[in-house]
Amino acid sequence: MSLYKVKSMDDVIIYSIIGLGMFIIGLGIGYTATKRYYSRRFIQVAKECESVRTIAPLIAELERES
């Protein structure tokens, strides 16, 4: 009976470590995806600002995102 409790506690620790690892990997992937999206969007807005020679597209984008 004592061995069952030890094995059960080992399983809890192992699954907790796996869960924590998956959480950290998910945060990393989410951060990377968000960073790429906003970097690409910033480049698009910068090109729009350059073509119309005003910051109106930047202001419109700020209003859209907030």
PDB file of N, CA and C in Angstrom:
ATOM      1  N   MET A   1       0.825  -1.188   0.000  1.00  0.00           N
ATOM      2  CA  MET A   1       0.000   0.000   0.000  1.00  0.00           C
ATOM      3  C   MET A   1       0.872   1.257   0.000  1.00  0.00           C
ATOM      4  N   SER A   2       1.961   1.234   0.672  1.00  0.00           N
ATOM      5  CA  SER A   2       2.859   2.367   0.709  1.00  0.00           C
ATOM      6  C   SER A   2       3.453   2.649  -0.674  1.00  0.00           C
ATOM      7  N   LEU A   3       3.731   1.595  -1.437  1.00  0.00           N
ATOM      8  CA  LEU A   3       4.284   1.769  -2.782  1.00  0.00           C
ATOM      9  C   LEU A   3       3.280   2.442  -3.705  1.00  0.00           C
ATOM     10  N   TYR A   4       2.017   2.170  -3.536  1.00  0.00           N
ATOM     11  CA  TYR A   4       0.983   2.775  -4.370  1.00  0.00           C
ATOM     12  C   TYR A   4       0.948   4.294  -4.175  1.00  0.00           C
ATOM     13  N   LYS A   5       1.059   4.741  -2.939  1.00  0.00           N
ATOM     14  CA  LYS A   5       1.058   6.178  -2.658  1.00  0.00           C
ATOM     15  C   LYS A   5       2.292   6.849  -3.256  1.00  0.00           C
ATOM     16  N   VAL A   6       3.428   6.205  -3.192  1.00  0.00           N
ATOM     17  CA  VAL A   6       4.647   6.779  -3.740  1.00  0.00           C
ATOM     18  C   VAL A   6       4.526   6.868  -5.260  1.00  0.00           C
ATOM     19  N   LYS A   7       4.041   5.824  -5.897  1.00  0.00           N
ATOM     20  CA  LYS A   7       3.872   5.850  -7.347  1.00  0.00           C
ATOM     21  C   LYS A   7       2.853   6.910  -7.740  1.00  0.00           C
ATOM     22  N   SER A   8       1.796   7.032  -6.976  1.00  0.00           N
ATOM     23  CA  SER A   8       0.778   8.027  -7.272  1.00  0.00           C
ATOM     24  C   SER A   8       1.362   9.434  -7.150  1.00  0.00           C
ATOM     25  N   MET A   9       2.187   9.665  -6.146  1.00  0.00           N
ATOM     26  CA  MET A   9       2.802  10.979  -5.958  1.00  0.00           C
ATOM     27  C   MET A   9       3.804  11.257  -7.073  1.00  0.00           C
ATOM     28  N   ASP A  10       4.523  10.232  -7.521  1.00  0.00           N
ATOM     29  CA  ASP A  10       5.437  10.405  -8.642  1.00  0.00           C
ATOM     30  C   ASP A  10       4.673  10.800  -9.896  1.00  0.00           C
ATOM     31  N   ASP A  11       3.507  10.178 -10.123  1.00  0.00           N
ATOM     32  CA  ASP A  11       2.700  10.518 -11.284  1.00  0.00           C
ATOM     33  C   ASP A  11       2.242  11.972 -11.222  1.00  0.00           C
ATOM     34  N   VAL A  12       1.831  12.412 -10.057  1.00  0.00           N
ATOM     35  CA  VAL A  12       1.381  13.800  -9.893  1.00  0.00           C
ATOM     36  C   VAL A  12       2.519  14.762 -10.204  1.00  0.00           C
ATOM     37  N   ILE A  13       3.698  14.467  -9.721  1.00  0.00           N
ATOM     38  CA  ILE A  13       4.855  15.337  -9.968  1.00  0.00           C
ATOM     39  C   ILE A  13       5.203  15.346 -11.454  1.00  0.00           C
ATOM     40  N   ILE A  14       5.219  14.176 -12.067  1.00  0.00           N
ATOM     41  CA  ILE A  14       5.557  14.089 -13.489  1.00  0.00           C
ATOM     42  C   ILE A  14       4.532  14.849 -14.328  1.00  0.00           C
ATOM     43  N   TYR A  15       3.243  14.652 -14.076  1.00  0.00           N
ATOM     44  CA  TYR A  15       2.218  15.353 -14.849  1.00  0.00           C
ATOM     45  C   TYR A  15       2.231  16.853 -14.577  1.00  0.00           C
ATOM     46  N   SER A  16       2.577  17.244 -13.376  1.00  0.00           N
ATOM     47  CA  SER A  16       2.698  18.675 -13.068  1.00  0.00           C
ATOM     48  C   SER A  16       3.840  19.301 -13.853  1.00  0.00           C
ATOM     49  N   ILE A  17       4.952  18.592 -13.940  1.00  0.00           N
ATOM     50  CA  ILE A  17       6.098  19.096 -14.707  1.00  0.00           C
ATOM     51  C   ILE A  17       5.749  19.171 -16.190  1.00  0.00           C
ATOM     52  N   ILE A  18       5.078  18.157 -16.702  1.00  0.00           N
ATOM     53  CA  ILE A  18       4.662  18.170 -18.110  1.00  0.00           C
ATOM     54  C   ILE A  18       3.698  19.334 -18.358  1.00  0.00           C
ATOM     55  N   GLY A  19       2.737  19.533 -17.477  1.00  0.00           N
ATOM     56  CA  GLY A  19       1.781  20.639 -17.615  1.00  0.00           C
ATOM     57  C   GLY A  19       2.465  21.989 -17.581  1.00  0.00           C
ATOM     58  N   LEU A  20       3.400  22.161 -16.669  1.00  0.00           N
ATOM     59  CA  LEU A  20       4.145  23.417 -16.576  1.00  0.00           C
ATOM     60  C   LEU A  20       4.962  23.648 -17.842  1.00  0.00           C
ATOM     61  N   GLY A  21       5.589  22.583 -18.334  1.00  0.00           N
ATOM     62  CA  GLY A  21       6.355  22.698 -19.577  1.00  0.00           C
ATOM     63  C   GLY A  21       5.485  23.093 -20.751  1.00  0.00           C
ATOM     64  N   MET A  22       4.318  22.484 -20.866  1.00  0.00           N
ATOM     65  CA  MET A  22       3.405  22.827 -21.958  1.00  0.00           C
ATOM     66  C   MET A  22       2.915  24.266 -21.831  1.00  0.00           C
ATOM     67  N   PHE A  23       2.674  24.717 -20.609  1.00  0.00           N
ATOM     68  CA  PHE A  23       2.255  26.096 -20.379  1.00  0.00           C
ATOM     69  C   PHE A  23       3.336  27.076 -20.829  1.00  0.00           C
ATOM     70  N   ILE A  24       4.574  26.798 -20.482  1.00  0.00           N
ATOM     71  CA  ILE A  24       5.687  27.673 -20.864  1.00  0.00           C
ATOM     72  C   ILE A  24       5.879  27.672 -22.378  1.00  0.00           C
ATOM     73  N   ILE A  25       5.780  26.499 -23.002  1.00  0.00           N
ATOM     74  CA  ILE A  25       5.900  26.423 -24.456  1.00  0.00           C
ATOM     75  C   ILE A  25       4.760  27.207 -25.114  1.00  0.00           C
ATOM     76  N   GLY A  26       3.554  27.087 -24.591  1.00  0.00           N
ATOM     77  CA  GLY A  26       2.417  27.835 -25.120  1.00  0.00           C
ATOM     78  C   GLY A  26       2.607  29.337 -25.002  1.00  0.00           C
ATOM     79  N   LEU A  27       3.132  29.790 -23.881  1.00  0.00           N
ATOM     80  CA  LEU A  27       3.411  31.219 -23.727  1.00  0.00           C
ATOM     81  C   LEU A  27       4.439  31.680 -24.749  1.00  0.00           C
ATOM     82  N   GLY A  28       5.464  30.887 -24.954  1.00  0.00           N
ATOM     83  CA  GLY A  28       6.504  31.244 -25.928  1.00  0.00           C
ATOM     84  C   GLY A  28       5.956  31.318 -27.335  1.00  0.00           C
ATOM     85  N   ILE A  29       5.147  30.343 -27.722  1.00  0.00           N
ATOM     86  CA  ILE A  29       4.561  30.332 -29.062  1.00  0.00           C
ATOM     87  C   ILE A  29       3.594  31.510 -29.229  1.00  0.00           C
ATOM     88  N   GLY A  30       2.790  31.781 -28.209  1.00  0.00           N
ATOM     89  CA  GLY A  30       1.862  32.909 -28.274  1.00  0.00           C
ATOM     90  C   GLY A  30       2.581  34.244 -28.391  1.00  0.00           C
ATOM     91  N   TYR A  31       3.659  34.400 -27.628  1.00  0.00           N
ATOM     92  CA  TYR A  31       4.437  35.637 -27.687  1.00  0.00           C
ATOM     93  C   TYR A  31       5.050  35.819 -29.076  1.00  0.00           C
ATOM     94  N   THR A  32       5.611  34.741 -29.617  1.00  0.00           N
ATOM     95  CA  THR A  32       6.240  34.807 -30.936  1.00  0.00           C
ATOM     96  C   THR A  32       5.221  35.133 -32.021  1.00  0.00           C
ATOM     97  N   ALA A  33       4.058  34.495 -31.976  1.00  0.00           N
ATOM     98  CA  ALA A  33       3.019  34.749 -32.979  1.00  0.00           C
ATOM     99  C   ALA A  33       2.523  36.191 -32.902  1.00  0.00           C
ATOM    100  N   THR A  34       2.305  36.692 -31.703  1.00  0.00           N
ATOM    101  CA  THR A  34       1.846  38.066 -31.525  1.00  0.00           C
ATOM    102  C   THR A  34       2.888  39.062 -32.008  1.00  0.00           C
ATOM    103  N   LYS A  35       4.144  38.804 -31.688  1.00  0.00           N
ATOM    104  CA  LYS A  35       5.230  39.690 -32.108  1.00  0.00           C
ATOM    105  C   LYS A  35       5.325  39.737 -33.631  1.00  0.00           C
ATOM    106  N   ARG A  36       5.224  38.585 -34.281  1.00  0.00           N
ATOM    107  CA  ARG A  36       5.288  38.554 -35.745  1.00  0.00           C
ATOM    108  C   ARG A  36       4.105  39.297 -36.367  1.00  0.00           C
ATOM    109  N   TYR A  37       2.911  39.083 -35.819  1.00  0.00           N
ATOM    110  CA  TYR A  37       1.722  39.745 -36.370  1.00  0.00           C
ATOM    111  C   TYR A  37       1.865  41.259 -36.307  1.00  0.00           C
ATOM    112  N   TYR A  38       2.225  41.782 -35.139  1.00  0.00           N
ATOM    113  CA  TYR A  38       2.306  43.230 -34.995  1.00  0.00           C
ATOM    114  C   TYR A  38       3.504  43.820 -35.725  1.00  0.00           C
ATOM    115  N   SER A  39       4.570  43.063 -35.889  1.00  0.00           N
ATOM    116  CA  SER A  39       5.698  43.550 -36.688  1.00  0.00           C
ATOM    117  C   SER A  39       5.292  43.695 -38.141  1.00  0.00           C
ATOM    118  N   ARG A  40       4.604  42.697 -38.683  1.00  0.00           N
ATOM    119  CA  ARG A  40       4.139  42.768 -40.067  1.00  0.00           C
ATOM    120  C   ARG A  40       3.121  43.897 -40.238  1.00  0.00           C
ATOM    121  N   ARG A  41       2.228  44.016 -39.273  1.00  0.00           N
ATOM    122  CA  ARG A  41       1.204  45.068 -39.363  1.00  0.00           C
ATOM    123  C   ARG A  41       1.852  46.446 -39.311  1.00  0.00           C
ATOM    124  N   PHE A  42       2.881  46.613 -38.480  1.00  0.00           N
ATOM    125  CA  PHE A  42       3.572  47.899 -38.390  1.00  0.00           C
ATOM    126  C   PHE A  42       4.238  48.244 -39.717  1.00  0.00           C
ATOM    127  N   ILE A  43       4.837  47.256 -40.373  1.00  0.00           N
ATOM    128  CA  ILE A  43       5.478  47.501 -41.665  1.00  0.00           C
ATOM    129  C   ILE A  43       4.433  47.933 -42.694  1.00  0.00           C
ATOM    130  N   GLN A  44       3.276  47.295 -42.689  1.00  0.00           N
ATOM    131  CA  GLN A  44       2.206  47.676 -43.624  1.00  0.00           C
ATOM    132  C   GLN A  44       1.756  49.118 -43.381  1.00  0.00           C
ATOM    133  N   VAL A  45       1.567  49.471 -42.127  1.00  0.00           N
ATOM    134  CA  VAL A  45       1.120  50.832 -41.798  1.00  0.00           C
ATOM    135  C   VAL A  45       2.212  51.840 -42.148  1.00  0.00           C
ATOM    136  N   ALA A  46       3.459  51.476 -41.912  1.00  0.00           N
ATOM    137  CA  ALA A  46       4.566  52.379 -42.254  1.00  0.00           C
ATOM    138  C   ALA A  46       4.617  52.627 -43.759  1.00  0.00           C
ATOM    139  N   LYS A  47       4.385  51.583 -44.552  1.00  0.00           N
ATOM    140  CA  LYS A  47       4.362  51.756 -46.006  1.00  0.00           C
ATOM    141  C   LYS A  47       3.191  52.638 -46.433  1.00  0.00           C
ATOM    142  N   GLU A  48       2.041  52.476 -45.778  1.00  0.00           N
ATOM    143  CA  GLU A  48       0.894  53.335 -46.090  1.00  0.00           C
ATOM    144  C   GLU A  48       1.210  54.788 -45.759  1.00  0.00           C
ATOM    145  N   CYS A  49       1.843  55.008 -44.608  1.00  0.00           N
ATOM    146  CA  CYS A  49       2.216  56.373 -44.214  1.00  0.00           C
ATOM    147  C   CYS A  49       3.192  56.974 -45.216  1.00  0.00           C
ATOM    148  N   GLU A  50       4.114  56.153 -45.710  1.00  0.00           N
ATOM    149  CA  GLU A  50       5.089  56.632 -46.674  1.00  0.00           C
ATOM    150  C   GLU A  50       4.427  56.996 -48.005  1.00  0.00           C
ATOM    151  N   SER A  51       3.451  56.187 -48.412  1.00  0.00           N
ATOM    152  CA  SER A  51       2.820  56.449 -49.717  1.00  0.00           C
ATOM    153  C   SER A  51       1.918  57.685 -49.699  1.00  0.00           C
ATOM    154  N   VAL A  52       1.244  57.943 -48.576  1.00  0.00           N
ATOM    155  CA  VAL A  52       0.372  59.124 -48.513  1.00  0.00           C
ATOM    156  C   VAL A  52       1.058  60.326 -47.884  1.00  0.00           C
ATOM    157  N   ARG A  53       2.268  60.146 -47.383  1.00  0.00           N
ATOM    158  CA  ARG A  53       3.088  61.206 -46.775  1.00  0.00           C
ATOM    159  C   ARG A  53       2.387  61.923 -45.616  1.00  0.00           C
ATOM    160  N   THR A  54       1.717  61.133 -44.788  1.00  0.00           N
ATOM    161  CA  THR A  54       1.089  61.666 -43.579  1.00  0.00           C
ATOM    162  C   THR A  54       0.991  60.530 -42.556  1.00  0.00           C
ATOM    163  N   ILE A  55       0.688  60.889 -41.318  1.00  0.00           N
ATOM    164  CA  ILE A  55       0.579  59.846 -40.289  1.00  0.00           C
ATOM    165  C   ILE A  55      -0.859  59.426 -40.052  1.00  0.00           C
ATOM    166  N   ALA A  56      -1.748  59.818 -40.943  1.00  0.00           N
ATOM    167  CA  ALA A  56      -3.167  59.464 -40.793  1.00  0.00           C
ATOM    168  C   ALA A  56      -3.399  57.947 -40.707  1.00  0.00           C
ATOM    169  N   PRO A  57      -2.720  57.115 -41.536  1.00  0.00           N
ATOM    170  CA  PRO A  57      -2.922  55.672 -41.394  1.00  0.00           C
ATOM    171  C   PRO A  57      -2.472  55.138 -40.030  1.00  0.00           C
ATOM    172  N   LEU A  58      -1.436  55.740 -39.478  1.00  0.00           N
ATOM    173  CA  LEU A  58      -0.960  55.323 -38.162  1.00  0.00           C
ATOM    174  C   LEU A  58      -1.979  55.662 -37.089  1.00  0.00           C
ATOM    175  N   ILE A  59      -2.552  56.826 -37.167  1.00  0.00           N
ATOM    176  CA  ILE A  59      -3.581  57.223 -36.191  1.00  0.00           C
ATOM    177  C   ILE A  59      -4.817  56.337 -36.323  1.00  0.00           C
ATOM    178  N   ALA A  60      -5.199  56.036 -37.564  1.00  0.00           N
ATOM    179  CA  ALA A  60      -6.353  55.147 -37.782  1.00  0.00           C
ATOM    180  C   ALA A  60      -6.076  53.758 -37.221  1.00  0.00           C
ATOM    181  N   GLU A  61      -4.862  53.262 -37.380  1.00  0.00           N
ATOM    182  CA  GLU A  61      -4.501  51.943 -36.846  1.00  0.00           C
ATOM    183  C   GLU A  61      -4.514  51.951 -35.319  1.00  0.00           C
ATOM    184  N   LEU A  62      -4.031  53.007 -34.721  1.00  0.00           N
ATOM    185  CA  LEU A  62      -4.053  53.120 -33.252  1.00  0.00           C
ATOM    186  C   LEU A  62      -5.495  53.125 -32.738  1.00  0.00           C
ATOM    187  N   GLU A  63      -6.380  53.824 -33.438  1.00  0.00           N
ATOM    188  CA  GLU A  63      -7.776  53.855 -33.037  1.00  0.00           C
ATOM    189  C   GLU A  63      -8.419  52.473 -33.202  1.00  0.00           C
ATOM    190  N   ARG A  64      -8.056  51.778 -34.268  1.00  0.00           N
ATOM    191  CA  ARG A  64      -8.606  50.443 -34.520  1.00  0.00           C
ATOM    192  C   ARG A  64      -8.160  49.446 -33.459  1.00  0.00           C
ATOM    193  N   GLU A  65      -6.920  49.531 -33.021  1.00  0.00           N
ATOM    194  CA  GLU A  65      -6.380  48.571 -32.054  1.00  0.00           C
ATOM    195  C   GLU A  65      -6.798  48.856 -30.615  1.00  0.00           C
ATOM    196  N   SER A  66      -7.222  50.078 -30.326  1.00  0.00           N
ATOM    197  CA  SER A  66      -7.596  50.371 -28.928  1.00  0.00           C
ATOM    198  C   SER A  66      -9.071  50.316 -28.690  1.00  0.00           C
TER     199      SER A  66
END
